[in-house]
Amino acid sequence: MRPNEILDKILELIAAYRVAKAVKRKKAKKLKRVALCVGHSRIGDKGACSVGGVNEWCYNKVVADLLQTRLRHQGIQSIVFDDYPSERYSRAMDWLAQSINKEKCDIAIELHFNSYSSTEAEGYEYLHYHTSNNGRRLAECFRKAQSETFKVQKDRGVKAIEPDGRGAGFLRSVPPPAVICEPFFGSCPKEWVLFDSKHSILADVYAQAIVEYFKDE
């Protein structure tokens, strides 16, 4: 074998080694994992009831199951938490935090819808813990995804939750960046018309937000 042929062979083997190493590294890359928490999953708690007579838990359980399928098609793993084994909120959050940590989830979201005494209250908002920069970034991904799909809705923005604020127990307790999703007011007739039986579209919005968040990591 000529010297040039030997050199070419060596370079070929080096190139093949680098390709094999890159493929192995790609295969070894950990799949992202999401905790899909259905709000009001405590014992005896189903959350607020919409003007259509559907409570938060029932509505969002459907969304969570659809979202799990959407994420699987995107190569993202997820675990649905829809049964918090406690009546007390603090104990339920402790259990949820331990469970999410055990599953090594990269992010956590809790699914809700808003309700208010006035039927005029409307719009969507996404809550994050006030000290979590990644939580804020995740919330912004959700806000942006919803603004692109539901253009007629009022954008109430992303909201930083202090330790004594609404939903702080969840946002503070779970280990990864976390967001509480409030995509509409179930107490608002015109918003309920918009979202009743629209579980699939909402699941698409959530999936879009999650994919975008991981893309920017």
C-alpha atoms as a PDB file:
ATOM      1  CA  MET A   1       0.000   0.000   0.000  1.00  0.00           C
ATOM      2  CA  ARG A   2       1.328   3.392  -0.995  1.00  0.00           C
ATOM      3  CA  PRO A   3       2.013   6.100   1.655  1.00  0.00           C
ATOM      4  CA  ASN A   4      -0.819   8.250   0.286  1.00  0.00           C
ATOM      5  CA  GLU A   5      -3.210   5.316   0.469  1.00  0.00           C
ATOM      6  CA  ILE A   6      -2.160   4.619   4.058  1.00  0.00           C
ATOM      7  CA  LEU A   7      -2.781   8.269   4.970  1.00  0.00           C
ATOM      8  CA  ASP A   8      -6.163   8.206   3.254  1.00  0.00           C
ATOM      9  CA  LYS A   9      -7.090   5.059   5.156  1.00  0.00           C
ATOM     10  CA  ILE A  10      -6.054   6.615   8.479  1.00  0.00           C
ATOM     11  CA  LEU A  11      -8.104   9.756   7.758  1.00  0.00           C
ATOM     12  CA  GLU A  12     -11.056   7.590   6.767  1.00  0.00           C
ATOM     13  CA  LEU A  13     -10.859   5.656  10.051  1.00  0.00           C
ATOM     14  CA  ILE A  14     -10.619   8.900  12.048  1.00  0.00           C
ATOM     15  CA  ALA A  15     -13.686  10.292  10.273  1.00  0.00           C
ATOM     16  CA  ALA A  16     -15.628   7.076  10.892  1.00  0.00           C
ATOM     17  CA  TYR A  17     -14.664   7.154  14.577  1.00  0.00           C
ATOM     18  CA  ARG A  18     -15.868  10.732  14.942  1.00  0.00           C
ATOM     19  CA  VAL A  19     -19.195   9.934  13.261  1.00  0.00           C
ATOM     20  CA  ALA A  20     -19.707   6.881  15.492  1.00  0.00           C
ATOM     21  CA  LYS A  21     -18.876   8.932  18.579  1.00  0.00           C
ATOM     22  CA  ALA A  22     -21.336  11.673  17.583  1.00  0.00           C
ATOM     23  CA  VAL A  23     -24.095   9.103  16.968  1.00  0.00           C
ATOM     24  CA  LYS A  24     -23.436   7.472  20.320  1.00  0.00           C
ATOM     25  CA  ARG A  25     -23.536  10.852  22.061  1.00  0.00           C
ATOM     26  CA  LYS A  26     -26.830  11.689  20.344  1.00  0.00           C
ATOM     27  CA  LYS A  27     -28.358   8.370  21.386  1.00  0.00           C
ATOM     28  CA  ALA A  28     -27.231   8.869  24.954  1.00  0.00           C
ATOM     29  CA  LYS A  29     -28.890  12.288  25.165  1.00  0.00           C
ATOM     30  CA  LYS A  30     -31.562  12.225  27.845  1.00  0.00           C
ATOM     31  CA  LEU A  31     -35.115  12.688  26.637  1.00  0.00           C
ATOM     32  CA  LYS A  32     -36.911  15.634  28.161  1.00  0.00           C
ATOM     33  CA  ARG A  33     -39.578  14.787  30.701  1.00  0.00           C
ATOM     34  CA  VAL A  34     -42.587  16.872  31.709  1.00  0.00           C
ATOM     35  CA  ALA A  35     -44.831  16.619  34.767  1.00  0.00           C
ATOM     36  CA  LEU A  36     -48.434  17.222  33.668  1.00  0.00           C
ATOM     37  CA  CYS A  37     -50.322  17.972  36.872  1.00  0.00           C
ATOM     38  CA  VAL A  38     -54.101  18.206  36.777  1.00  0.00           C
ATOM     39  CA  GLY A  39     -55.120  20.976  39.165  1.00  0.00           C
ATOM     40  CA  HIS A  40     -57.501  20.170  42.028  1.00  0.00           C
ATOM     41  CA  SER A  41     -56.520  16.517  42.166  1.00  0.00           C
ATOM     42  CA  ARG A  42     -56.681  16.434  45.961  1.00  0.00           C
ATOM     43  CA  ILE A  43     -59.204  14.185  47.667  1.00  0.00           C
ATOM     44  CA  GLY A  44     -62.609  15.886  47.579  1.00  0.00           C
ATOM     45  CA  ASP A  45     -61.437  18.784  45.394  1.00  0.00           C
ATOM     46  CA  LYS A  46     -62.581  19.264  41.802  1.00  0.00           C
ATOM     47  CA  GLY A  47     -61.976  23.014  41.528  1.00  0.00           C
ATOM     48  CA  ALA A  48     -64.236  25.685  40.118  1.00  0.00           C
ATOM     49  CA  CYS A  49     -67.203  24.865  37.919  1.00  0.00           C
ATOM     50  CA  SER A  50     -67.655  26.514  34.526  1.00  0.00           C
ATOM     51  CA  VAL A  51     -70.879  28.138  33.382  1.00  0.00           C
ATOM     52  CA  GLY A  52     -71.339  24.977  31.341  1.00  0.00           C
ATOM     53  CA  GLY A  53     -71.333  22.811  34.451  1.00  0.00           C
ATOM     54  CA  VAL A  54     -67.867  21.257  33.914  1.00  0.00           C
ATOM     55  CA  ASN A  55     -65.369  21.420  36.766  1.00  0.00           C
ATOM     56  CA  GLU A  56     -61.668  22.162  36.422  1.00  0.00           C
ATOM     57  CA  TRP A  57     -60.481  18.635  37.139  1.00  0.00           C
ATOM     58  CA  CYS A  58     -62.712  16.989  34.536  1.00  0.00           C
ATOM     59  CA  TYR A  59     -61.868  19.553  31.869  1.00  0.00           C
ATOM     60  CA  ASN A  60     -58.123  19.475  32.426  1.00  0.00           C
ATOM     61  CA  LYS A  61     -57.854  15.707  32.783  1.00  0.00           C
ATOM     62  CA  VAL A  62     -58.924  15.477  29.139  1.00  0.00           C
ATOM     63  CA  VAL A  63     -56.409  18.175  28.156  1.00  0.00           C
ATOM     64  CA  ALA A  64     -53.600  16.425  30.054  1.00  0.00           C
ATOM     65  CA  ASP A  65     -54.200  13.097  28.312  1.00  0.00           C
ATOM     66  CA  LEU A  66     -54.283  14.763  24.898  1.00  0.00           C
ATOM     67  CA  LEU A  67     -51.157  16.762  25.713  1.00  0.00           C
ATOM     68  CA  GLN A  68     -49.306  13.614  26.724  1.00  0.00           C
ATOM     69  CA  THR A  69     -49.971  12.182  23.264  1.00  0.00           C
ATOM     70  CA  ARG A  70     -48.896  15.417  21.561  1.00  0.00           C
ATOM     71  CA  LEU A  71     -45.618  15.456  23.481  1.00  0.00           C
ATOM     72  CA  ARG A  72     -44.903  11.796  22.752  1.00  0.00           C
ATOM     73  CA  HIS A  73     -45.152  12.590  19.043  1.00  0.00           C
ATOM     74  CA  GLN A  74     -42.548  15.323  19.631  1.00  0.00           C
ATOM     75  CA  GLY A  75     -40.154  12.915  21.371  1.00  0.00           C
ATOM     76  CA  ILE A  76     -40.874  14.351  24.825  1.00  0.00           C
ATOM     77  CA  GLN A  77     -41.766  12.093  27.728  1.00  0.00           C
ATOM     78  CA  SER A  78     -44.445  13.092  30.232  1.00  0.00           C
ATOM     79  CA  ILE A  79     -46.160  11.824  33.344  1.00  0.00           C
ATOM     80  CA  VAL A  80     -49.733  12.752  34.216  1.00  0.00           C
ATOM     81  CA  PHE A  81     -50.405  13.382  37.904  1.00  0.00           C
ATOM     82  CA  ASP A  82     -54.179  13.394  38.415  1.00  0.00           C
ATOM     83  CA  ASP A  83     -54.601  11.997  41.915  1.00  0.00           C
ATOM     84  CA  TYR A  84     -52.910  13.755  44.842  1.00  0.00           C
ATOM     85  CA  PRO A  85     -53.454  11.393  47.809  1.00  0.00           C
ATOM     86  CA  SER A  86     -54.323  13.966  50.472  1.00  0.00           C
ATOM     87  CA  GLU A  87     -57.121  16.307  51.474  1.00  0.00           C
ATOM     88  CA  ARG A  88     -54.698  18.948  52.750  1.00  0.00           C
ATOM     89  CA  TYR A  89     -53.076  21.234  50.200  1.00  0.00           C
ATOM     90  CA  SER A  90     -49.645  21.308  51.886  1.00  0.00           C
ATOM     91  CA  ARG A  91     -49.429  17.529  52.114  1.00  0.00           C
ATOM     92  CA  ALA A  92     -50.634  17.149  48.545  1.00  0.00           C
ATOM     93  CA  MET A  93     -47.891  19.512  47.360  1.00  0.00           C
ATOM     94  CA  ASP A  94     -45.259  17.663  49.390  1.00  0.00           C
ATOM     95  CA  TRP A  95     -46.331  14.389  47.802  1.00  0.00           C
ATOM     96  CA  LEU A  96     -46.366  15.940  44.338  1.00  0.00           C
ATOM     97  CA  ALA A  97     -42.912  17.474  44.788  1.00  0.00           C
ATOM     98  CA  GLN A  98     -41.447  14.132  45.867  1.00  0.00           C
ATOM     99  CA  SER A  99     -43.135  12.304  42.993  1.00  0.00           C
ATOM    100  CA  ILE A 100     -41.934  14.801  40.375  1.00  0.00           C
ATOM    101  CA  ASN A 101     -38.415  14.663  41.800  1.00  0.00           C
ATOM    102  CA  LYS A 102     -38.463  10.855  41.691  1.00  0.00           C
ATOM    103  CA  GLU A 103     -39.472  10.948  38.020  1.00  0.00           C
ATOM    104  CA  LYS A 104     -36.650  13.431  37.301  1.00  0.00           C
ATOM    105  CA  CYS A 105     -38.926  15.793  35.384  1.00  0.00           C
ATOM    106  CA  ASP A 106     -37.356  18.787  33.645  1.00  0.00           C
ATOM    107  CA  ILE A 107     -40.404  21.045  33.983  1.00  0.00           C
ATOM    108  CA  ALA A 108     -43.801  20.882  35.681  1.00  0.00           C
ATOM    109  CA  ILE A 109     -47.106  22.487  34.758  1.00  0.00           C
ATOM    110  CA  GLU A 110     -50.400  22.467  36.618  1.00  0.00           C
ATOM    111  CA  LEU A 111     -53.568  22.771  34.537  1.00  0.00           C
ATOM    112  CA  HIS A 112     -56.420  24.999  35.699  1.00  0.00           C
ATOM    113  CA  PHE A 113     -58.947  27.480  34.419  1.00  0.00           C
ATOM    114  CA  ASN A 114     -59.862  30.725  36.132  1.00  0.00           C
ATOM    115  CA  SER A 115     -63.152  31.664  37.778  1.00  0.00           C
ATOM    116  CA  TYR A 116     -64.478  34.912  39.233  1.00  0.00           C
ATOM    117  CA  SER A 117     -67.675  36.283  40.757  1.00  0.00           C
ATOM    118  CA  SER A 118     -68.147  38.607  37.774  1.00  0.00           C
ATOM    119  CA  THR A 119     -68.909  37.005  34.422  1.00  0.00           C
ATOM    120  CA  GLU A 120     -67.048  39.889  32.775  1.00  0.00           C
ATOM    121  CA  ALA A 121     -63.609  38.667  33.904  1.00  0.00           C
ATOM    122  CA  GLU A 122     -61.765  37.167  30.943  1.00  0.00           C
ATOM    123  CA  GLY A 123     -58.406  36.339  29.412  1.00  0.00           C
ATOM    124  CA  TYR A 124     -55.441  34.062  29.930  1.00  0.00           C
ATOM    125  CA  GLU A 125     -52.475  34.249  32.273  1.00  0.00           C
ATOM    126  CA  TYR A 126     -49.553  32.050  33.250  1.00  0.00           C
ATOM    127  CA  LEU A 127     -48.077  32.031  36.732  1.00  0.00           C
ATOM    128  CA  HIS A 128     -44.487  31.364  37.790  1.00  0.00           C
ATOM    129  CA  TYR A 129     -42.593  31.617  41.066  1.00  0.00           C
ATOM    130  CA  HIS A 130     -41.084  35.071  41.471  1.00  0.00           C
ATOM    131  CA  THR A 131     -37.475  33.869  41.900  1.00  0.00           C
ATOM    132  CA  SER A 132     -37.493  31.382  39.013  1.00  0.00           C
ATOM    133  CA  ASN A 133     -36.011  32.779  35.813  1.00  0.00           C
ATOM    134  CA  ASN A 134     -36.649  29.555  33.930  1.00  0.00           C
ATOM    135  CA  GLY A 135     -40.180  29.488  35.311  1.00  0.00           C
ATOM    136  CA  ARG A 136     -40.705  32.972  33.907  1.00  0.00           C
ATOM    137  CA  ARG A 137     -39.276  31.901  30.536  1.00  0.00           C
ATOM    138  CA  LEU A 138     -41.546  28.852  30.486  1.00  0.00           C
ATOM    139  CA  ALA A 139     -44.573  31.000  31.344  1.00  0.00           C
ATOM    140  CA  GLU A 140     -43.694  33.362  28.510  1.00  0.00           C
ATOM    141  CA  CYS A 141     -43.577  30.430  26.071  1.00  0.00           C
ATOM    142  CA  PHE A 142     -47.127  29.513  27.112  1.00  0.00           C
ATOM    143  CA  ARG A 143     -48.345  33.105  26.867  1.00  0.00           C
ATOM    144  CA  LYS A 144     -46.858  33.516  23.404  1.00  0.00           C
ATOM    145  CA  ALA A 145     -48.284  30.213  22.123  1.00  0.00           C
ATOM    146  CA  GLN A 146     -51.767  31.098  23.316  1.00  0.00           C
ATOM    147  CA  SER A 147     -51.589  34.625  21.920  1.00  0.00           C
ATOM    148  CA  GLU A 148     -50.860  33.181  18.471  1.00  0.00           C
ATOM    149  CA  THR A 149     -53.805  30.756  18.538  1.00  0.00           C
ATOM    150  CA  PHE A 150     -56.511  32.582  20.507  1.00  0.00           C
ATOM    151  CA  LYS A 151     -56.099  36.079  19.110  1.00  0.00           C
ATOM    152  CA  VAL A 152     -59.522  37.309  20.277  1.00  0.00           C
ATOM    153  CA  GLN A 153     -58.729  36.732  23.955  1.00  0.00           C
ATOM    154  CA  LYS A 154     -57.415  39.251  26.441  1.00  0.00           C
ATOM    155  CA  ASP A 155     -53.739  38.710  27.231  1.00  0.00           C
ATOM    156  CA  ARG A 156     -53.340  39.090  31.008  1.00  0.00           C
ATOM    157  CA  GLY A 157     -49.635  38.280  30.745  1.00  0.00           C
ATOM    158  CA  VAL A 158     -47.262  36.235  32.862  1.00  0.00           C
ATOM    159  CA  LYS A 159     -47.415  36.813  36.608  1.00  0.00           C
ATOM    160  CA  ALA A 160     -44.719  36.372  39.233  1.00  0.00           C
ATOM    161  CA  ILE A 161     -46.152  34.763  42.358  1.00  0.00           C
ATOM    162  CA  GLU A 162     -44.804  35.694  45.789  1.00  0.00           C
ATOM    163  CA  PRO A 163     -44.584  33.143  48.658  1.00  0.00           C
ATOM    164  CA  ASP A 164     -48.080  34.005  49.913  1.00  0.00           C
ATOM    165  CA  GLY A 165     -49.642  34.296  46.458  1.00  0.00           C
ATOM    166  CA  ARG A 166     -52.149  32.128  44.625  1.00  0.00           C
ATOM    167  CA  GLY A 167     -50.567  28.825  43.610  1.00  0.00           C
ATOM    168  CA  ALA A 168     -47.311  29.502  45.448  1.00  0.00           C
ATOM    169  CA  GLY A 169     -47.453  26.094  47.140  1.00  0.00           C
ATOM    170  CA  PHE A 170     -47.139  24.308  43.816  1.00  0.00           C
ATOM    171  CA  LEU A 171     -44.712  26.734  42.192  1.00  0.00           C
ATOM    172  CA  ARG A 172     -42.403  26.783  45.203  1.00  0.00           C
ATOM    173  CA  SER A 173     -42.565  23.094  46.126  1.00  0.00           C
ATOM    174  CA  VAL A 174     -41.888  21.236  42.891  1.00  0.00           C
ATOM    175  CA  PRO A 175     -38.173  20.904  42.025  1.00  0.00           C
ATOM    176  CA  PRO A 176     -38.060  21.913  38.318  1.00  0.00           C
ATOM    177  CA  PRO A 177     -39.201  25.176  36.691  1.00  0.00           C
ATOM    178  CA  ALA A 178     -42.978  25.282  37.041  1.00  0.00           C
ATOM    179  CA  VAL A 179     -45.975  27.130  35.630  1.00  0.00           C
ATOM    180  CA  ILE A 180     -49.661  27.267  36.509  1.00  0.00           C
ATOM    181  CA  CYS A 181     -51.800  27.472  33.384  1.00  0.00           C
ATOM    182  CA  GLU A 182     -54.922  29.658  33.481  1.00  0.00           C
ATOM    183  CA  PRO A 183     -56.008  29.722  29.807  1.00  0.00           C
ATOM    184  CA  PHE A 184     -59.507  31.182  30.243  1.00  0.00           C
ATOM    185  CA  PHE A 185     -62.253  32.063  32.712  1.00  0.00           C
ATOM    186  CA  GLY A 186     -64.776  29.257  33.047  1.00  0.00           C
ATOM    187  CA  SER A 187     -67.085  31.787  34.721  1.00  0.00           C
ATOM    188  CA  CYS A 188     -67.199  33.905  31.542  1.00  0.00           C
ATOM    189  CA  PRO A 189     -69.923  32.739  29.116  1.00  0.00           C
ATOM    190  CA  LYS A 190     -68.189  33.990  25.971  1.00  0.00           C
ATOM    191  CA  GLU A 191     -64.908  32.323  26.940  1.00  0.00           C
ATOM    192  CA  TRP A 192     -66.635  29.066  27.807  1.00  0.00           C
ATOM    193  CA  VAL A 193     -68.189  29.046  24.334  1.00  0.00           C
ATOM    194  CA  LEU A 194     -64.664  29.501  22.964  1.00  0.00           C
ATOM    195  CA  PHE A 195     -63.141  26.645  24.994  1.00  0.00           C
ATOM    196  CA  ASP A 196     -65.969  24.172  25.556  1.00  0.00           C
ATOM    197  CA  SER A 197     -64.981  21.005  23.678  1.00  0.00           C
ATOM    198  CA  LYS A 198     -61.764  22.699  22.512  1.00  0.00           C
ATOM    199  CA  HIS A 199     -59.511  20.458  24.623  1.00  0.00           C
ATOM    200  CA  SER A 200     -57.561  19.368  21.564  1.00  0.00           C
ATOM    201  CA  ILE A 201     -56.689  22.897  20.450  1.00  0.00           C
ATOM    202  CA  LEU A 202     -55.601  23.847  23.960  1.00  0.00           C
ATOM    203  CA  ALA A 203     -53.409  20.724  24.130  1.00  0.00           C
ATOM    204  CA  ASP A 204     -51.794  21.846  20.859  1.00  0.00           C
ATOM    205  CA  VAL A 205     -51.066  25.275  22.357  1.00  0.00           C
ATOM    206  CA  TYR A 206     -49.463  23.721  25.426  1.00  0.00           C
ATOM    207  CA  ALA A 207     -47.379  21.329  23.330  1.00  0.00           C
ATOM    208  CA  GLN A 208     -46.164  24.204  21.170  1.00  0.00           C
ATOM    209  CA  ALA A 209     -45.086  26.129  24.277  1.00  0.00           C
ATOM    210  CA  ILE A 210     -43.209  23.178  25.768  1.00  0.00           C
ATOM    211  CA  VAL A 211     -41.392  22.374  22.527  1.00  0.00           C
ATOM    212  CA  GLU A 212     -40.379  26.031  22.200  1.00  0.00           C
ATOM    213  CA  TYR A 213     -39.061  26.095  25.755  1.00  0.00           C
ATOM    214  CA  PHE A 214     -36.834  23.059  25.241  1.00  0.00           C
ATOM    215  CA  LYS A 215     -35.672  24.375  21.876  1.00  0.00           C
ATOM    216  CA  ASP A 216     -34.155  27.432  23.552  1.00  0.00           C
ATOM    217  CA  GLU A 217     -32.251  25.454  26.198  1.00  0.00           C
END
